[in-house]
Amino acid sequence: MKVAVVDIKGKETGREANLSDAVFGIEPNDHAVYLDVKQFLANQRQGTHKAKERAEIVGSTRKIKKQKGTGTARAGSIKSGIFRGGGRIFGPRPRNYGFKLNKNLKRLARKSVLSQKAKNNEIVVVEDFQFDAPKTKNLIEVLKGIGADSKKSLIILGDSNKNVYLSSRNLKTSEVITSSELSTYKILNAKKVVVLEGALEGIETNLSK
């Protein structure tokens, strides 16, 4: 698949980037995408929730009423979960929500979402650019030039670029990552995927292993 390479003003440079069919042209696997996104979101959970259970409540252990003859259910302790101030029945405990997926499935998921984005013309290939200093205004102008200023955008760099990254931190609808930080969730969450020309080789190398 060939895509025109544009400059930071959105004008065609006259060059074309060849998107590998093995990465950008496969039949999407929805279940692989589901599992990878599920793992990503699960790993964001802290799992530090905790409620006191019956054994952890401070209170008397005296039997609060006689066993029979009251006309109500028997009760042995004021710390029971059925009473106000008692322990939580089956309350949450600290836990790790993460789970493992094999590398091949994760690669398949990323190739699936990239192929879907390419099919929907939501991938823009931009020639490499740099900023002399971190400035949000400069990045906004670039996004306007390529028509991605009004949409959630993901900018993929070939190598770490501190000035471009710092320029994006004030933008709620834009995120800058390198090709090695690519994730299925981040691709899906963006309406426009902006790939720098120098990042294509890294993406295809990482996903073709």
N, C-alpha and C. Protein backbone atom coordinates (compact mmCIF):
# COMPACT_ATOMS: atom_id res chain seq x y z
N MET A 1 0.86 -1.19 0.00
CA MET A 1 0.00 0.00 0.00
C MET A 1 0.89 1.24 0.00
N LYS A 2 0.61 2.15 -0.90
CA LYS A 2 1.40 3.38 -1.01
C LYS A 2 0.59 4.57 -0.50
N VAL A 3 1.25 5.41 0.29
CA VAL A 3 0.62 6.60 0.86
C VAL A 3 1.51 7.80 0.58
N ALA A 4 0.88 8.91 0.18
CA ALA A 4 1.64 10.12 -0.11
C ALA A 4 2.25 10.68 1.18
N VAL A 5 3.49 11.11 1.09
CA VAL A 5 4.17 11.74 2.23
C VAL A 5 3.94 13.25 2.15
N VAL A 6 3.45 13.84 3.25
CA VAL A 6 3.17 15.27 3.26
C VAL A 6 4.16 15.98 4.19
N ASP A 7 4.26 17.31 4.00
CA ASP A 7 5.10 18.08 4.91
C ASP A 7 4.26 18.60 6.08
N ILE A 8 4.87 19.41 6.95
CA ILE A 8 4.16 19.84 8.16
C ILE A 8 3.03 20.82 7.85
N LYS A 9 2.95 21.27 6.61
CA LYS A 9 1.85 22.15 6.22
C LYS A 9 0.75 21.39 5.49
N GLY A 10 0.92 20.09 5.37
CA GLY A 10 -0.10 19.26 4.73
C GLY A 10 0.03 19.15 3.23
N LYS A 11 1.09 19.70 2.65
CA LYS A 11 1.28 19.65 1.20
C LYS A 11 2.09 18.42 0.83
N GLU A 12 1.73 17.80 -0.29
CA GLU A 12 2.43 16.60 -0.74
C GLU A 12 3.86 16.94 -1.14
N THR A 13 4.77 16.06 -0.75
CA THR A 13 6.19 16.29 -1.04
C THR A 13 6.60 15.69 -2.38
N GLY A 14 5.70 14.91 -2.98
CA GLY A 14 6.04 14.23 -4.23
C GLY A 14 6.60 12.83 -4.00
N ARG A 15 6.79 12.47 -2.74
CA ARG A 15 7.27 11.13 -2.41
C ARG A 15 6.13 10.28 -1.89
N GLU A 16 6.31 8.97 -1.97
CA GLU A 16 5.31 8.04 -1.44
C GLU A 16 5.98 7.07 -0.47
N ALA A 17 5.25 6.76 0.59
CA ALA A 17 5.73 5.77 1.56
C ALA A 17 5.04 4.44 1.29
N ASN A 18 5.81 3.39 1.29
CA ASN A 18 5.26 2.06 1.04
C ASN A 18 4.93 1.38 2.37
N LEU A 19 3.63 1.27 2.66
CA LEU A 19 3.19 0.61 3.89
C LEU A 19 3.13 -0.90 3.67
N SER A 20 3.85 -1.63 4.48
CA SER A 20 3.92 -3.08 4.32
C SER A 20 2.55 -3.73 4.50
N ASP A 21 2.19 -4.61 3.57
CA ASP A 21 0.92 -5.32 3.67
C ASP A 21 0.90 -6.27 4.86
N ALA A 22 2.08 -6.69 5.32
CA ALA A 22 2.16 -7.61 6.46
C ALA A 22 1.83 -6.91 7.77
N VAL A 23 1.87 -5.57 7.77
CA VAL A 23 1.57 -4.79 8.98
C VAL A 23 0.32 -3.95 8.81
N PHE A 24 0.18 -3.33 7.65
CA PHE A 24 -0.92 -2.38 7.42
C PHE A 24 -2.01 -2.93 6.50
N GLY A 25 -1.91 -4.21 6.10
CA GLY A 25 -2.89 -4.72 5.15
C GLY A 25 -3.43 -6.09 5.47
N ILE A 26 -3.46 -6.46 6.76
CA ILE A 26 -3.95 -7.79 7.13
C ILE A 26 -5.46 -7.74 7.42
N GLU A 27 -6.04 -8.92 7.53
CA GLU A 27 -7.45 -9.03 7.95
C GLU A 27 -7.50 -8.86 9.47
N PRO A 28 -8.17 -7.83 9.98
CA PRO A 28 -8.16 -7.57 11.43
C PRO A 28 -8.74 -8.73 12.24
N ASN A 29 -8.10 -9.00 13.36
CA ASN A 29 -8.56 -10.03 14.29
C ASN A 29 -9.17 -9.33 15.51
N ASP A 30 -10.49 -9.27 15.54
CA ASP A 30 -11.18 -8.51 16.59
C ASP A 30 -10.92 -9.06 17.99
N HIS A 31 -10.82 -10.39 18.11
CA HIS A 31 -10.64 -10.96 19.44
C HIS A 31 -9.26 -10.64 19.99
N ALA A 32 -8.26 -10.63 19.14
CA ALA A 32 -6.91 -10.26 19.58
C ALA A 32 -6.88 -8.81 20.05
N VAL A 33 -7.59 -7.95 19.32
CA VAL A 33 -7.68 -6.54 19.71
C VAL A 33 -8.37 -6.41 21.06
N TYR A 34 -9.46 -7.13 21.24
CA TYR A 34 -10.19 -7.10 22.51
C TYR A 34 -9.30 -7.50 23.68
N LEU A 35 -8.56 -8.58 23.52
CA LEU A 35 -7.71 -9.07 24.62
C LEU A 35 -6.59 -8.09 24.94
N ASP A 36 -5.99 -7.49 23.90
CA ASP A 36 -4.88 -6.56 24.14
C ASP A 36 -5.38 -5.28 24.83
N VAL A 37 -6.53 -4.78 24.41
CA VAL A 37 -7.10 -3.59 25.05
C VAL A 37 -7.50 -3.92 26.49
N LYS A 38 -8.08 -5.09 26.69
CA LYS A 38 -8.48 -5.50 28.04
C LYS A 38 -7.27 -5.57 28.96
N GLN A 39 -6.15 -6.11 28.47
CA GLN A 39 -4.94 -6.18 29.28
C GLN A 39 -4.39 -4.79 29.59
N PHE A 40 -4.40 -3.90 28.59
CA PHE A 40 -3.90 -2.54 28.79
C PHE A 40 -4.68 -1.83 29.89
N LEU A 41 -6.01 -1.92 29.82
CA LEU A 41 -6.86 -1.25 30.81
C LEU A 41 -6.73 -1.91 32.19
N ALA A 42 -6.58 -3.23 32.20
CA ALA A 42 -6.43 -3.93 33.48
C ALA A 42 -5.13 -3.51 34.17
N ASN A 43 -4.09 -3.28 33.38
CA ASN A 43 -2.81 -2.88 33.96
C ASN A 43 -2.83 -1.46 34.50
N GLN A 44 -3.83 -0.66 34.11
CA GLN A 44 -3.94 0.70 34.63
C GLN A 44 -4.58 0.74 36.02
N ARG A 45 -5.22 -0.36 36.41
CA ARG A 45 -5.91 -0.39 37.69
C ARG A 45 -4.90 -0.60 38.83
N GLN A 46 -5.02 0.20 39.88
CA GLN A 46 -4.10 0.08 41.00
C GLN A 46 -4.40 -1.15 41.85
N GLY A 47 -5.67 -1.47 41.98
CA GLY A 47 -6.03 -2.64 42.78
C GLY A 47 -5.76 -2.47 44.26
N THR A 48 -5.80 -1.21 44.74
CA THR A 48 -5.51 -0.97 46.16
C THR A 48 -6.78 -0.84 47.00
N HIS A 49 -7.93 -1.20 46.44
CA HIS A 49 -9.19 -1.10 47.17
C HIS A 49 -9.22 -2.07 48.35
N LYS A 50 -9.81 -1.62 49.44
CA LYS A 50 -9.87 -2.48 50.64
C LYS A 50 -11.02 -2.04 51.52
N ALA A 51 -11.80 -3.00 52.00
CA ALA A 51 -12.86 -2.74 52.98
C ALA A 51 -12.65 -3.69 54.17
N LYS A 52 -12.96 -3.20 55.36
CA LYS A 52 -12.77 -4.04 56.55
C LYS A 52 -13.83 -5.14 56.59
N GLU A 53 -13.38 -6.32 56.87
CA GLU A 53 -14.29 -7.45 57.03
C GLU A 53 -14.55 -7.70 58.52
N ARG A 54 -15.36 -8.66 58.79
CA ARG A 54 -15.84 -8.89 60.16
C ARG A 54 -14.70 -9.06 61.17
N ALA A 55 -13.65 -9.75 60.78
CA ALA A 55 -12.54 -10.01 61.70
C ALA A 55 -11.70 -8.77 61.97
N GLU A 56 -11.84 -7.74 61.12
CA GLU A 56 -11.01 -6.55 61.27
C GLU A 56 -11.72 -5.41 61.98
N ILE A 57 -12.99 -5.56 62.27
CA ILE A 57 -13.76 -4.52 62.95
C ILE A 57 -13.45 -4.54 64.46
N VAL A 58 -13.29 -3.34 65.02
CA VAL A 58 -13.09 -3.24 66.47
C VAL A 58 -14.46 -3.20 67.14
N GLY A 59 -14.73 -4.16 68.00
CA GLY A 59 -16.04 -4.20 68.66
C GLY A 59 -16.14 -5.40 69.58
N SER A 60 -17.22 -5.46 70.34
CA SER A 60 -17.41 -6.54 71.30
C SER A 60 -17.72 -7.85 70.58
N THR A 61 -17.28 -8.93 71.17
CA THR A 61 -17.61 -10.25 70.63
C THR A 61 -18.72 -10.92 71.45
N ARG A 62 -19.31 -10.16 72.36
CA ARG A 62 -20.40 -10.70 73.20
C ARG A 62 -21.60 -11.06 72.33
N LYS A 63 -22.23 -12.17 72.67
CA LYS A 63 -23.47 -12.51 71.96
C LYS A 63 -24.53 -11.50 72.35
N ILE A 64 -25.11 -10.82 71.35
CA ILE A 64 -25.93 -9.64 71.63
C ILE A 64 -27.35 -9.98 72.09
N LYS A 65 -27.80 -11.18 71.86
CA LYS A 65 -29.13 -11.57 72.34
C LYS A 65 -29.19 -13.08 72.41
N LYS A 66 -30.19 -13.57 73.09
CA LYS A 66 -30.29 -15.01 73.24
C LYS A 66 -30.58 -15.69 71.91
N GLN A 67 -30.25 -16.95 71.85
CA GLN A 67 -30.34 -17.67 70.58
C GLN A 67 -31.78 -17.86 70.12
N LYS A 68 -32.66 -18.17 71.05
CA LYS A 68 -34.03 -18.49 70.66
C LYS A 68 -35.04 -17.58 71.35
N GLY A 69 -36.23 -17.53 70.80
CA GLY A 69 -37.33 -16.87 71.47
C GLY A 69 -37.49 -15.39 71.18
N THR A 70 -36.66 -14.81 70.33
CA THR A 70 -36.78 -13.37 70.06
C THR A 70 -37.66 -13.09 68.85
N GLY A 71 -37.94 -14.12 68.06
CA GLY A 71 -38.76 -13.92 66.87
C GLY A 71 -37.96 -13.39 65.68
N THR A 72 -36.67 -13.17 65.88
CA THR A 72 -35.82 -12.69 64.78
C THR A 72 -34.68 -13.67 64.54
N ALA A 73 -33.89 -13.40 63.55
CA ALA A 73 -32.77 -14.29 63.23
C ALA A 73 -31.75 -14.28 64.34
N ARG A 74 -31.08 -15.39 64.53
CA ARG A 74 -30.05 -15.47 65.56
C ARG A 74 -28.85 -14.61 65.16
N ALA A 75 -28.19 -14.05 66.14
CA ALA A 75 -27.02 -13.20 65.89
C ALA A 75 -26.01 -13.40 66.99
N GLY A 76 -24.72 -13.51 66.61
CA GLY A 76 -23.70 -13.80 67.62
C GLY A 76 -22.78 -12.64 67.92
N SER A 77 -22.72 -11.62 67.05
CA SER A 77 -21.76 -10.54 67.28
C SER A 77 -22.26 -9.25 66.64
N ILE A 78 -21.96 -8.13 67.26
CA ILE A 78 -22.33 -6.82 66.73
C ILE A 78 -21.51 -6.49 65.48
N LYS A 79 -20.40 -7.25 65.27
CA LYS A 79 -19.52 -7.00 64.13
C LYS A 79 -20.01 -7.69 62.85
N SER A 80 -21.14 -8.36 62.95
CA SER A 80 -21.69 -9.05 61.78
C SER A 80 -22.01 -8.06 60.66
N GLY A 81 -21.83 -8.49 59.44
CA GLY A 81 -22.04 -7.62 58.29
C GLY A 81 -23.48 -7.18 58.08
N ILE A 82 -24.42 -7.80 58.75
CA ILE A 82 -25.82 -7.42 58.57
C ILE A 82 -26.21 -6.25 59.47
N PHE A 83 -25.31 -5.86 60.39
CA PHE A 83 -25.59 -4.72 61.27
C PHE A 83 -24.82 -3.49 60.83
N ARG A 84 -25.43 -2.32 61.13
CA ARG A 84 -24.74 -1.07 60.82
C ARG A 84 -23.45 -0.99 61.64
N GLY A 85 -22.35 -0.64 60.95
CA GLY A 85 -21.06 -0.58 61.63
C GLY A 85 -20.32 -1.90 61.63
N GLY A 86 -20.96 -2.93 61.09
CA GLY A 86 -20.32 -4.23 61.03
C GLY A 86 -19.37 -4.34 59.84
N GLY A 87 -18.75 -5.48 59.72
CA GLY A 87 -17.80 -5.68 58.62
C GLY A 87 -18.50 -5.85 57.28
N ARG A 88 -17.78 -5.57 56.23
CA ARG A 88 -18.30 -5.72 54.87
C ARG A 88 -18.26 -7.21 54.49
N ILE A 89 -19.39 -7.70 54.00
CA ILE A 89 -19.46 -9.11 53.59
C ILE A 89 -18.85 -9.25 52.20
N PHE A 90 -17.84 -10.10 52.07
CA PHE A 90 -17.12 -10.31 50.81
C PHE A 90 -16.63 -8.98 50.22
N GLY A 91 -16.05 -8.14 51.07
CA GLY A 91 -15.56 -6.84 50.61
C GLY A 91 -14.35 -6.96 49.71
N PRO A 92 -14.01 -5.87 49.00
CA PRO A 92 -12.86 -5.90 48.08
C PRO A 92 -11.55 -6.01 48.86
N ARG A 93 -10.60 -6.72 48.28
CA ARG A 93 -9.28 -6.85 48.85
C ARG A 93 -8.24 -6.42 47.82
N PRO A 94 -7.06 -5.95 48.24
CA PRO A 94 -6.02 -5.58 47.27
C PRO A 94 -5.70 -6.75 46.36
N ARG A 95 -5.61 -6.46 45.07
CA ARG A 95 -5.31 -7.52 44.11
C ARG A 95 -4.69 -6.92 42.85
N ASN A 96 -4.06 -7.75 42.10
CA ASN A 96 -3.47 -7.35 40.82
C ASN A 96 -4.39 -7.81 39.70
N TYR A 97 -4.87 -6.86 38.87
CA TYR A 97 -5.81 -7.20 37.81
C TYR A 97 -5.11 -7.63 36.52
N GLY A 98 -3.79 -7.50 36.49
CA GLY A 98 -3.05 -7.80 35.25
C GLY A 98 -3.09 -9.27 34.89
N PHE A 99 -2.91 -9.54 33.61
CA PHE A 99 -2.79 -10.92 33.12
C PHE A 99 -1.85 -10.93 31.92
N LYS A 100 -1.36 -12.09 31.58
CA LYS A 100 -0.34 -12.19 30.54
C LYS A 100 -0.96 -12.54 29.18
N LEU A 101 -0.33 -11.98 28.14
CA LEU A 101 -0.66 -12.35 26.77
C LEU A 101 0.65 -12.65 26.05
N ASN A 102 0.62 -13.57 25.11
CA ASN A 102 1.87 -13.86 24.41
C ASN A 102 2.16 -12.76 23.37
N LYS A 103 3.43 -12.65 23.00
CA LYS A 103 3.88 -11.56 22.14
C LYS A 103 3.25 -11.61 20.75
N ASN A 104 3.07 -12.80 20.23
CA ASN A 104 2.49 -12.93 18.89
C ASN A 104 1.07 -12.39 18.83
N LEU A 105 0.29 -12.64 19.89
CA LEU A 105 -1.08 -12.14 19.93
C LEU A 105 -1.09 -10.61 20.00
N LYS A 106 -0.17 -10.04 20.80
CA LYS A 106 -0.11 -8.58 20.93
C LYS A 106 0.31 -7.94 19.60
N ARG A 107 1.24 -8.58 18.89
CA ARG A 107 1.63 -8.06 17.58
C ARG A 107 0.46 -8.13 16.60
N LEU A 108 -0.27 -9.24 16.64
CA LEU A 108 -1.44 -9.40 15.77
C LEU A 108 -2.46 -8.31 16.04
N ALA A 109 -2.68 -7.98 17.33
CA ALA A 109 -3.65 -6.94 17.69
C ALA A 109 -3.22 -5.59 17.13
N ARG A 110 -1.95 -5.25 17.26
CA ARG A 110 -1.46 -3.95 16.78
C ARG A 110 -1.52 -3.87 15.26
N LYS A 111 -1.18 -4.97 14.59
CA LYS A 111 -1.28 -4.98 13.13
C LYS A 111 -2.74 -4.87 12.68
N SER A 112 -3.64 -5.46 13.47
CA SER A 112 -5.07 -5.41 13.13
C SER A 112 -5.60 -3.97 13.17
N VAL A 113 -5.26 -3.23 14.23
CA VAL A 113 -5.78 -1.86 14.34
C VAL A 113 -5.09 -0.93 13.35
N LEU A 114 -3.81 -1.16 13.06
CA LEU A 114 -3.13 -0.35 12.05
C LEU A 114 -3.73 -0.59 10.66
N SER A 115 -4.07 -1.85 10.39
CA SER A 115 -4.69 -2.19 9.10
C SER A 115 -6.06 -1.53 8.97
N GLN A 116 -6.81 -1.52 10.08
CA GLN A 116 -8.13 -0.89 10.07
C GLN A 116 -8.01 0.61 9.86
N LYS A 117 -7.02 1.24 10.52
CA LYS A 117 -6.80 2.68 10.34
C LYS A 117 -6.39 2.99 8.90
N ALA A 118 -5.53 2.16 8.33
CA ALA A 118 -5.10 2.38 6.95
C ALA A 118 -6.26 2.23 5.98
N LYS A 119 -7.12 1.25 6.25
CA LYS A 119 -8.29 1.03 5.39
C LYS A 119 -9.24 2.21 5.44
N ASN A 120 -9.35 2.86 6.60
CA ASN A 120 -10.26 4.00 6.77
C ASN A 120 -9.60 5.34 6.47
N ASN A 121 -8.39 5.29 5.90
CA ASN A 121 -7.64 6.52 5.57
C ASN A 121 -7.42 7.42 6.78
N GLU A 122 -7.12 6.80 7.92
CA GLU A 122 -6.89 7.55 9.16
C GLU A 122 -5.42 7.59 9.54
N ILE A 123 -4.55 7.20 8.59
CA ILE A 123 -3.11 7.27 8.81
C ILE A 123 -2.52 8.33 7.88
N VAL A 124 -1.75 9.24 8.46
CA VAL A 124 -1.07 10.29 7.69
C VAL A 124 0.43 10.12 7.88
N VAL A 125 1.16 10.06 6.77
CA VAL A 125 2.62 9.95 6.85
C VAL A 125 3.22 11.33 6.60
N VAL A 126 3.97 11.82 7.58
CA VAL A 126 4.54 13.17 7.52
C VAL A 126 6.06 13.06 7.49
N GLU A 127 6.69 13.90 6.70
CA GLU A 127 8.15 13.89 6.68
C GLU A 127 8.68 14.30 8.06
N ASP A 128 9.85 13.81 8.40
CA ASP A 128 10.43 14.06 9.72
C ASP A 128 10.59 15.56 9.98
N PHE A 129 10.27 15.97 11.22
CA PHE A 129 10.44 17.37 11.59
C PHE A 129 10.92 17.45 13.03
N GLN A 130 11.50 18.59 13.38
CA GLN A 130 11.98 18.84 14.73
C GLN A 130 11.68 20.28 15.11
N PHE A 131 11.66 20.54 16.41
CA PHE A 131 11.49 21.90 16.92
C PHE A 131 12.78 22.33 17.61
N ASP A 132 13.11 23.60 17.47
CA ASP A 132 14.31 24.13 18.13
C ASP A 132 14.11 24.23 19.64
N ALA A 133 12.85 24.42 20.04
CA ALA A 133 12.53 24.53 21.46
C ALA A 133 11.11 24.02 21.68
N PRO A 134 10.79 23.56 22.90
CA PRO A 134 9.42 23.10 23.16
C PRO A 134 8.42 24.25 23.05
N LYS A 135 7.45 24.12 22.18
CA LYS A 135 6.45 25.17 22.02
C LYS A 135 5.15 24.54 21.51
N THR A 136 4.11 24.63 22.33
CA THR A 136 2.83 24.03 21.97
C THR A 136 2.26 24.63 20.69
N LYS A 137 2.47 25.92 20.51
CA LYS A 137 1.95 26.60 19.33
C LYS A 137 2.49 25.98 18.04
N ASN A 138 3.75 25.58 18.05
CA ASN A 138 4.34 24.97 16.85
C ASN A 138 3.67 23.65 16.50
N LEU A 139 3.38 22.84 17.52
CA LEU A 139 2.74 21.56 17.27
C LEU A 139 1.30 21.75 16.81
N ILE A 140 0.62 22.75 17.36
CA ILE A 140 -0.76 23.04 16.93
C ILE A 140 -0.78 23.41 15.44
N GLU A 141 0.21 24.18 15.00
CA GLU A 141 0.29 24.56 13.59
C GLU A 141 0.52 23.34 12.70
N VAL A 142 1.33 22.42 13.18
CA VAL A 142 1.56 21.19 12.41
C VAL A 142 0.28 20.39 12.29
N LEU A 143 -0.45 20.24 13.41
CA LEU A 143 -1.70 19.48 13.40
C LEU A 143 -2.74 20.14 12.51
N LYS A 144 -2.79 21.46 12.52
CA LYS A 144 -3.71 22.17 11.63
C LYS A 144 -3.35 21.93 10.17
N GLY A 145 -2.06 21.95 9.88
CA GLY A 145 -1.61 21.76 8.51
C GLY A 145 -2.00 20.42 7.93
N ILE A 146 -1.97 19.38 8.77
CA ILE A 146 -2.30 18.04 8.26
C ILE A 146 -3.75 17.65 8.56
N GLY A 147 -4.53 18.60 9.09
CA GLY A 147 -5.95 18.36 9.32
C GLY A 147 -6.27 17.47 10.49
N ALA A 148 -5.42 17.51 11.54
CA ALA A 148 -5.65 16.66 12.70
C ALA A 148 -5.82 17.46 13.97
N ASP A 149 -6.09 18.76 13.85
CA ASP A 149 -6.19 19.61 15.04
C ASP A 149 -7.51 19.46 15.78
N SER A 150 -8.56 19.05 15.07
CA SER A 150 -9.88 18.95 15.70
C SER A 150 -10.23 17.52 16.12
N LYS A 151 -9.27 16.61 16.00
CA LYS A 151 -9.52 15.22 16.33
C LYS A 151 -8.46 14.71 17.31
N LYS A 152 -8.78 13.62 17.98
CA LYS A 152 -7.77 12.97 18.81
C LYS A 152 -6.69 12.43 17.88
N SER A 153 -5.45 12.77 18.17
CA SER A 153 -4.36 12.36 17.28
C SER A 153 -3.25 11.67 18.07
N LEU A 154 -2.61 10.73 17.40
CA LEU A 154 -1.46 10.03 17.95
C LEU A 154 -0.30 10.25 17.00
N ILE A 155 0.77 10.88 17.51
CA ILE A 155 1.94 11.17 16.69
C ILE A 155 3.02 10.16 17.04
N ILE A 156 3.48 9.42 16.04
CA ILE A 156 4.47 8.37 16.26
C ILE A 156 5.82 8.82 15.69
N LEU A 157 6.81 8.93 16.59
CA LEU A 157 8.15 9.36 16.20
C LEU A 157 9.05 8.14 16.00
N GLY A 158 10.06 8.33 15.15
CA GLY A 158 11.03 7.25 14.96
C GLY A 158 11.96 7.14 16.15
N ASP A 159 12.50 8.27 16.58
CA ASP A 159 13.39 8.33 17.74
C ASP A 159 12.82 9.32 18.74
N SER A 160 13.27 9.21 19.97
CA SER A 160 12.82 10.13 21.01
C SER A 160 13.19 11.57 20.64
N ASN A 161 12.20 12.46 20.71
CA ASN A 161 12.42 13.87 20.38
C ASN A 161 11.82 14.70 21.52
N LYS A 162 12.68 15.17 22.40
CA LYS A 162 12.22 15.82 23.63
C LYS A 162 11.38 17.06 23.35
N ASN A 163 11.78 17.88 22.37
CA ASN A 163 11.07 19.14 22.11
C ASN A 163 9.67 18.89 21.56
N VAL A 164 9.53 17.90 20.67
CA VAL A 164 8.20 17.57 20.14
C VAL A 164 7.32 16.97 21.24
N TYR A 165 7.92 16.12 22.06
CA TYR A 165 7.15 15.51 23.16
C TYR A 165 6.66 16.57 24.15
N LEU A 166 7.56 17.47 24.56
CA LEU A 166 7.18 18.50 25.52
C LEU A 166 6.15 19.46 24.93
N SER A 167 6.17 19.65 23.62
CA SER A 167 5.21 20.55 22.97
C SER A 167 3.80 19.98 23.00
N SER A 168 3.69 18.67 23.21
CA SER A 168 2.37 18.02 23.15
C SER A 168 1.70 17.89 24.51
N ARG A 169 2.43 18.17 25.60
CA ARG A 169 1.90 17.85 26.93
C ARG A 169 0.72 18.72 27.35
N ASN A 170 0.57 19.89 26.75
CA ASN A 170 -0.56 20.76 27.09
C ASN A 170 -1.80 20.47 26.23
N LEU A 171 -1.66 19.57 25.27
CA LEU A 171 -2.78 19.28 24.36
C LEU A 171 -3.52 18.04 24.84
N LYS A 172 -4.81 18.21 25.15
CA LYS A 172 -5.61 17.09 25.66
C LYS A 172 -5.92 16.07 24.58
N THR A 173 -5.95 16.52 23.31
CA THR A 173 -6.37 15.63 22.24
C THR A 173 -5.21 15.08 21.43
N SER A 174 -3.99 15.28 21.89
CA SER A 174 -2.83 14.82 21.13
C SER A 174 -1.83 14.13 22.04
N GLU A 175 -1.23 13.07 21.54
CA GLU A 175 -0.21 12.33 22.31
C GLU A 175 0.95 11.99 21.39
N VAL A 176 2.16 12.10 21.91
CA VAL A 176 3.37 11.80 21.14
C VAL A 176 4.06 10.59 21.77
N ILE A 177 4.35 9.58 20.94
CA ILE A 177 5.07 8.38 21.40
C ILE A 177 6.11 8.01 20.36
N THR A 178 7.01 7.11 20.72
CA THR A 178 7.95 6.56 19.74
C THR A 178 7.40 5.24 19.21
N SER A 179 8.00 4.74 18.15
CA SER A 179 7.50 3.51 17.53
C SER A 179 7.60 2.32 18.47
N SER A 180 8.53 2.36 19.43
CA SER A 180 8.69 1.25 20.38
C SER A 180 7.63 1.28 21.48
N GLU A 181 6.91 2.40 21.62
CA GLU A 181 5.88 2.54 22.67
C GLU A 181 4.47 2.29 22.14
N LEU A 182 4.39 1.82 20.93
CA LEU A 182 3.09 1.63 20.27
C LEU A 182 2.23 0.63 21.03
N SER A 183 0.96 0.96 21.22
CA SER A 183 0.03 0.03 21.86
C SER A 183 -1.31 0.04 21.12
N THR A 184 -2.00 -1.07 21.21
CA THR A 184 -3.29 -1.22 20.53
C THR A 184 -4.28 -0.17 21.02
N TYR A 185 -4.33 0.03 22.34
CA TYR A 185 -5.30 0.98 22.91
C TYR A 185 -5.06 2.39 22.39
N LYS A 186 -3.80 2.82 22.37
CA LYS A 186 -3.50 4.18 21.94
C LYS A 186 -3.85 4.41 20.47
N ILE A 187 -3.64 3.39 19.65
CA ILE A 187 -3.99 3.51 18.23
C ILE A 187 -5.51 3.61 18.09
N LEU A 188 -6.23 2.76 18.80
CA LEU A 188 -7.70 2.77 18.72
C LEU A 188 -8.28 4.07 19.25
N ASN A 189 -7.65 4.63 20.26
CA ASN A 189 -8.17 5.83 20.93
C ASN A 189 -7.99 7.08 20.08
N ALA A 190 -7.18 7.01 19.04
CA ALA A 190 -6.91 8.17 18.19
C ALA A 190 -7.76 8.12 16.93
N LYS A 191 -8.29 9.27 16.54
CA LYS A 191 -9.04 9.36 15.29
C LYS A 191 -8.10 9.54 14.10
N LYS A 192 -6.90 10.06 14.37
CA LYS A 192 -5.91 10.28 13.32
C LYS A 192 -4.56 9.81 13.83
N VAL A 193 -3.91 8.91 13.09
CA VAL A 193 -2.59 8.41 13.45
C VAL A 193 -1.57 9.09 12.54
N VAL A 194 -0.72 9.93 13.12
CA VAL A 194 0.28 10.67 12.37
C VAL A 194 1.61 9.96 12.53
N VAL A 195 2.11 9.38 11.44
CA VAL A 195 3.35 8.61 11.48
C VAL A 195 4.44 9.40 10.78
N LEU A 196 5.52 9.69 11.49
CA LEU A 196 6.65 10.34 10.85
C LEU A 196 7.34 9.34 9.94
N GLU A 197 7.87 9.83 8.85
CA GLU A 197 8.46 8.97 7.83
C GLU A 197 9.54 8.06 8.42
N GLY A 198 10.32 8.61 9.35
CA GLY A 198 11.39 7.83 9.94
C GLY A 198 10.92 6.76 10.91
N ALA A 199 9.63 6.78 11.29
CA ALA A 199 9.10 5.80 12.24
C ALA A 199 8.58 4.55 11.57
N LEU A 200 8.36 4.61 10.26
CA LEU A 200 7.76 3.46 9.55
C LEU A 200 8.63 2.22 9.65
N GLU A 201 9.93 2.39 9.46
CA GLU A 201 10.83 1.23 9.51
C GLU A 201 10.80 0.58 10.87
N GLY A 202 10.80 1.39 11.95
CA GLY A 202 10.76 0.84 13.30
C GLY A 202 9.47 0.09 13.58
N ILE A 203 8.34 0.65 13.11
CA ILE A 203 7.04 -0.01 13.32
C ILE A 203 7.02 -1.37 12.62
N GLU A 204 7.43 -1.37 11.36
CA GLU A 204 7.38 -2.61 10.58
C GLU A 204 8.36 -3.65 11.10
N THR A 205 9.52 -3.19 11.59
CA THR A 205 10.51 -4.13 12.15
C THR A 205 9.99 -4.75 13.44
N ASN A 206 9.39 -3.94 14.33
CA ASN A 206 8.90 -4.43 15.61
C ASN A 206 7.73 -5.38 15.45
N LEU A 207 6.88 -5.14 14.44
CA LEU A 207 5.66 -5.97 14.28
C LEU A 207 5.84 -7.12 13.30
N SER A 208 6.98 -7.21 12.66
CA SER A 208 7.21 -8.29 11.69
C SER A 208 8.06 -9.41 12.27
N LYS A 209 8.42 -9.31 13.55
CA LYS A 209 9.27 -10.32 14.16
C LYS A 209 8.53 -11.63 14.30
